[in-house]
Amino acid sequence: MIVVLHHKAYQQQLREAGLIASMSRKSMPYDNAVMESFFASLKQELTHHERFVDRDAARAEVFNYIESFYNRQRLHSSLDYRSPEAFENITE
């Protein structure tokens, strides 16, 4: 079942859950560029060619992709072609 919420109801649910919506500023498409890049990678490298038996299987595969591959092995041009883990381990 898909539930479509009016934007005010959506914002109310966020407030009740203690969350803050993150939205780009008007005429500023680069505010969300990092997440757009992440989701493009996720789709291209995992979900576009995968069929999941159920939501739990999808959740496990996405978790594995992020924790085992994306953060530990995948090289990121914005991090001088290092993985996020390697970048975090650089001592200055």
N, C-alpha and C. Protein backbone atom coordinates (compact mmCIF):
# COMPACT_ATOMS: atom_id res chain seq x y z
N MET A 1 0.83 -1.18 0.00
CA MET A 1 0.00 0.00 0.00
C MET A 1 0.88 1.25 0.00
N ILE A 2 0.62 2.15 -0.89
CA ILE A 2 1.36 3.40 -0.98
C ILE A 2 0.52 4.50 -0.36
N VAL A 3 1.14 5.24 0.54
CA VAL A 3 0.44 6.34 1.20
C VAL A 3 1.05 7.64 0.70
N VAL A 4 0.22 8.51 0.20
CA VAL A 4 0.66 9.83 -0.25
C VAL A 4 0.22 10.85 0.78
N LEU A 5 1.17 11.60 1.29
CA LEU A 5 0.87 12.59 2.31
C LEU A 5 0.91 14.00 1.71
N HIS A 6 0.00 14.81 2.14
CA HIS A 6 0.06 16.23 1.81
C HIS A 6 1.30 16.79 2.48
N HIS A 7 1.95 17.77 1.90
CA HIS A 7 3.21 18.26 2.44
C HIS A 7 3.11 18.73 3.89
N LYS A 8 1.97 19.28 4.29
CA LYS A 8 1.82 19.71 5.69
C LYS A 8 1.75 18.51 6.63
N ALA A 9 1.06 17.46 6.20
CA ALA A 9 0.98 16.24 7.01
C ALA A 9 2.36 15.59 7.11
N TYR A 10 3.10 15.62 6.01
CA TYR A 10 4.47 15.07 5.99
C TYR A 10 5.35 15.83 6.97
N GLN A 11 5.30 17.15 6.91
CA GLN A 11 6.10 17.96 7.82
C GLN A 11 5.69 17.73 9.28
N GLN A 12 4.41 17.54 9.53
CA GLN A 12 3.93 17.25 10.88
C GLN A 12 4.49 15.92 11.38
N GLN A 13 4.49 14.92 10.52
CA GLN A 13 5.04 13.62 10.91
C GLN A 13 6.53 13.72 11.21
N LEU A 14 7.25 14.50 10.43
CA LEU A 14 8.67 14.71 10.70
C LEU A 14 8.86 15.34 12.07
N ARG A 15 8.10 16.40 12.36
CA ARG A 15 8.21 17.07 13.67
C ARG A 15 7.91 16.10 14.81
N GLU A 16 6.86 15.31 14.67
CA GLU A 16 6.48 14.37 15.71
C GLU A 16 7.56 13.31 15.94
N ALA A 17 8.31 12.99 14.90
CA ALA A 17 9.39 12.02 15.02
C ALA A 17 10.70 12.68 15.46
N GLY A 18 10.68 14.00 15.64
CA GLY A 18 11.89 14.71 16.05
C GLY A 18 12.88 14.91 14.93
N LEU A 19 12.39 14.91 13.67
CA LEU A 19 13.26 15.05 12.51
C LEU A 19 13.09 16.41 11.87
N ILE A 20 14.11 16.83 11.15
CA ILE A 20 14.07 18.09 10.42
C ILE A 20 14.25 17.77 8.94
N ALA A 21 13.35 18.28 8.10
CA ALA A 21 13.45 18.06 6.66
C ALA A 21 14.64 18.83 6.11
N SER A 22 15.34 18.23 5.19
CA SER A 22 16.47 18.87 4.54
C SER A 22 16.09 19.14 3.09
N MET A 23 16.01 20.40 2.74
CA MET A 23 15.62 20.76 1.39
C MET A 23 16.60 21.79 0.84
N SER A 24 16.78 21.73 -0.45
CA SER A 24 17.68 22.68 -1.10
C SER A 24 17.11 24.09 -1.04
N ARG A 25 18.01 25.03 -1.05
CA ARG A 25 17.59 26.42 -1.13
C ARG A 25 17.06 26.70 -2.53
N LYS A 26 16.23 27.67 -2.64
CA LYS A 26 15.67 28.05 -3.93
C LYS A 26 16.81 28.39 -4.91
N SER A 27 16.73 27.83 -6.10
CA SER A 27 17.72 28.07 -7.16
C SER A 27 19.12 27.62 -6.78
N MET A 28 19.24 26.59 -5.94
CA MET A 28 20.54 26.10 -5.52
C MET A 28 20.59 24.57 -5.67
N PRO A 29 20.76 24.07 -6.88
CA PRO A 29 20.70 22.62 -7.11
C PRO A 29 21.85 21.84 -6.49
N TYR A 30 22.91 22.52 -6.08
CA TYR A 30 24.08 21.80 -5.56
C TYR A 30 23.97 21.46 -4.09
N ASP A 31 22.96 21.98 -3.40
CA ASP A 31 22.79 21.69 -1.97
C ASP A 31 22.69 20.19 -1.72
N ASN A 32 22.06 19.48 -2.61
CA ASN A 32 21.82 18.06 -2.40
C ASN A 32 22.67 17.18 -3.30
N ALA A 33 23.72 17.72 -3.88
CA ALA A 33 24.53 17.00 -4.86
C ALA A 33 25.16 15.73 -4.30
N VAL A 34 25.61 15.76 -3.07
CA VAL A 34 26.26 14.59 -2.49
C VAL A 34 25.28 13.42 -2.39
N MET A 35 24.07 13.70 -1.90
CA MET A 35 23.08 12.62 -1.79
C MET A 35 22.61 12.15 -3.15
N GLU A 36 22.45 13.08 -4.10
CA GLU A 36 22.07 12.69 -5.45
C GLU A 36 23.12 11.76 -6.05
N SER A 37 24.38 12.06 -5.83
CA SER A 37 25.46 11.23 -6.32
C SER A 37 25.43 9.85 -5.65
N PHE A 38 25.21 9.83 -4.33
CA PHE A 38 25.13 8.56 -3.62
C PHE A 38 24.01 7.68 -4.18
N PHE A 39 22.81 8.26 -4.33
CA PHE A 39 21.68 7.46 -4.81
C PHE A 39 21.88 7.02 -6.25
N ALA A 40 22.53 7.83 -7.07
CA ALA A 40 22.85 7.40 -8.44
C ALA A 40 23.78 6.20 -8.41
N SER A 41 24.78 6.23 -7.54
CA SER A 41 25.71 5.10 -7.42
C SER A 41 24.99 3.86 -6.91
N LEU A 42 24.17 4.02 -5.89
CA LEU A 42 23.42 2.90 -5.34
C LEU A 42 22.56 2.23 -6.41
N LYS A 43 21.85 3.03 -7.18
CA LYS A 43 20.99 2.48 -8.23
C LYS A 43 21.81 1.78 -9.30
N GLN A 44 22.85 2.44 -9.78
CA GLN A 44 23.66 1.88 -10.86
C GLN A 44 24.40 0.61 -10.42
N GLU A 45 24.93 0.60 -9.22
CA GLU A 45 25.79 -0.48 -8.77
C GLU A 45 25.06 -1.60 -8.05
N LEU A 46 23.81 -1.38 -7.64
CA LEU A 46 23.11 -2.42 -6.89
C LEU A 46 21.68 -2.64 -7.37
N THR A 47 20.84 -1.67 -7.20
CA THR A 47 19.41 -1.94 -7.32
C THR A 47 18.89 -2.10 -8.74
N HIS A 48 19.51 -1.48 -9.74
CA HIS A 48 18.99 -1.57 -11.10
C HIS A 48 19.08 -2.97 -11.68
N HIS A 49 20.00 -3.77 -11.21
CA HIS A 49 20.17 -5.12 -11.76
C HIS A 49 19.86 -6.22 -10.75
N GLU A 50 19.20 -5.85 -9.68
CA GLU A 50 18.91 -6.80 -8.60
C GLU A 50 17.41 -6.90 -8.37
N ARG A 51 16.95 -8.12 -8.13
CA ARG A 51 15.55 -8.33 -7.73
C ARG A 51 15.58 -8.90 -6.32
N PHE A 52 14.87 -8.26 -5.44
CA PHE A 52 14.86 -8.67 -4.04
C PHE A 52 13.59 -9.46 -3.75
N VAL A 53 13.72 -10.50 -2.94
CA VAL A 53 12.55 -11.33 -2.64
C VAL A 53 11.55 -10.60 -1.74
N ASP A 54 12.06 -9.72 -0.89
CA ASP A 54 11.17 -8.95 -0.02
C ASP A 54 11.92 -7.73 0.51
N ARG A 55 11.23 -6.93 1.28
CA ARG A 55 11.80 -5.70 1.81
C ARG A 55 12.98 -5.97 2.73
N ASP A 56 12.90 -7.03 3.54
CA ASP A 56 14.01 -7.34 4.43
C ASP A 56 15.27 -7.69 3.66
N ALA A 57 15.12 -8.42 2.56
CA ALA A 57 16.28 -8.77 1.72
C ALA A 57 16.87 -7.52 1.09
N ALA A 58 16.01 -6.62 0.63
CA ALA A 58 16.49 -5.35 0.05
C ALA A 58 17.23 -4.54 1.10
N ARG A 59 16.66 -4.45 2.27
CA ARG A 59 17.28 -3.69 3.36
C ARG A 59 18.66 -4.26 3.69
N ALA A 60 18.78 -5.57 3.75
CA ALA A 60 20.06 -6.21 4.07
C ALA A 60 21.08 -5.96 2.96
N GLU A 61 20.66 -6.03 1.72
CA GLU A 61 21.58 -5.79 0.61
C GLU A 61 22.05 -4.34 0.56
N VAL A 62 21.15 -3.40 0.81
CA VAL A 62 21.54 -1.99 0.81
C VAL A 62 22.50 -1.73 1.97
N PHE A 63 22.22 -2.29 3.13
CA PHE A 63 23.13 -2.15 4.28
C PHE A 63 24.50 -2.70 3.93
N ASN A 64 24.54 -3.90 3.34
CA ASN A 64 25.80 -4.52 2.95
C ASN A 64 26.54 -3.67 1.92
N TYR A 65 25.82 -3.13 0.94
CA TYR A 65 26.43 -2.27 -0.07
C TYR A 65 27.11 -1.07 0.58
N ILE A 66 26.39 -0.42 1.49
CA ILE A 66 26.93 0.79 2.12
C ILE A 66 28.10 0.45 3.04
N GLU A 67 27.91 -0.50 3.93
CA GLU A 67 28.93 -0.80 4.94
C GLU A 67 30.14 -1.57 4.40
N SER A 68 29.92 -2.51 3.49
CA SER A 68 31.02 -3.34 3.01
C SER A 68 31.71 -2.78 1.77
N PHE A 69 30.95 -2.14 0.89
CA PHE A 69 31.53 -1.68 -0.36
C PHE A 69 31.69 -0.15 -0.40
N TYR A 70 30.59 0.56 -0.32
CA TYR A 70 30.61 2.01 -0.55
C TYR A 70 31.54 2.74 0.42
N ASN A 71 31.50 2.41 1.69
CA ASN A 71 32.32 3.10 2.68
C ASN A 71 33.73 2.55 2.82
N ARG A 72 33.96 1.31 2.43
CA ARG A 72 35.26 0.67 2.69
C ARG A 72 36.10 0.43 1.44
N GLN A 73 35.46 0.25 0.28
CA GLN A 73 36.21 -0.11 -0.92
C GLN A 73 36.07 0.88 -2.06
N ARG A 74 34.89 1.44 -2.24
CA ARG A 74 34.62 2.29 -3.40
C ARG A 74 35.42 3.59 -3.32
N LEU A 75 36.13 3.89 -4.40
CA LEU A 75 36.92 5.10 -4.46
C LEU A 75 36.02 6.27 -4.86
N HIS A 76 36.21 7.41 -4.20
CA HIS A 76 35.38 8.59 -4.42
C HIS A 76 36.27 9.72 -4.95
N SER A 77 35.88 10.27 -6.08
CA SER A 77 36.69 11.34 -6.67
C SER A 77 36.77 12.55 -5.74
N SER A 78 35.71 12.81 -4.99
CA SER A 78 35.71 13.97 -4.08
C SER A 78 36.64 13.76 -2.88
N LEU A 79 37.12 12.53 -2.69
CA LEU A 79 38.03 12.22 -1.58
C LEU A 79 39.42 11.86 -2.11
N ASP A 80 39.78 12.46 -3.24
CA ASP A 80 41.07 12.16 -3.89
C ASP A 80 41.23 10.67 -4.18
N TYR A 81 40.17 10.08 -4.67
CA TYR A 81 40.12 8.66 -5.06
C TYR A 81 40.53 7.73 -3.92
N ARG A 82 39.96 8.03 -2.75
CA ARG A 82 40.08 7.14 -1.58
C ARG A 82 38.67 6.70 -1.20
N SER A 83 38.60 5.63 -0.43
CA SER A 83 37.31 5.25 0.14
C SER A 83 37.03 6.16 1.32
N PRO A 84 35.76 6.30 1.73
CA PRO A 84 35.48 7.10 2.93
C PRO A 84 36.25 6.60 4.16
N GLU A 85 36.36 5.28 4.30
CA GLU A 85 37.09 4.75 5.44
C GLU A 85 38.56 5.16 5.40
N ALA A 86 39.19 5.04 4.23
CA ALA A 86 40.59 5.43 4.11
C ALA A 86 40.76 6.92 4.35
N PHE A 87 39.83 7.71 3.83
CA PHE A 87 39.88 9.16 4.02
C PHE A 87 39.77 9.52 5.50
N GLU A 88 38.88 8.85 6.22
CA GLU A 88 38.72 9.13 7.65
C GLU A 88 39.96 8.74 8.46
N ASN A 89 40.72 7.79 7.94
CA ASN A 89 41.90 7.30 8.67
C ASN A 89 43.17 8.10 8.40
N ILE A 90 43.08 9.09 7.53
CA ILE A 90 44.25 9.93 7.26
C ILE A 90 44.55 10.76 8.48
N THR A 91 45.79 10.70 8.93
CA THR A 91 46.19 11.53 10.09
C THR A 91 46.91 12.76 9.56
N GLU A 92 46.58 13.85 10.14
CA GLU A 92 47.21 15.12 9.69
C GLU A 92 48.26 15.54 10.66
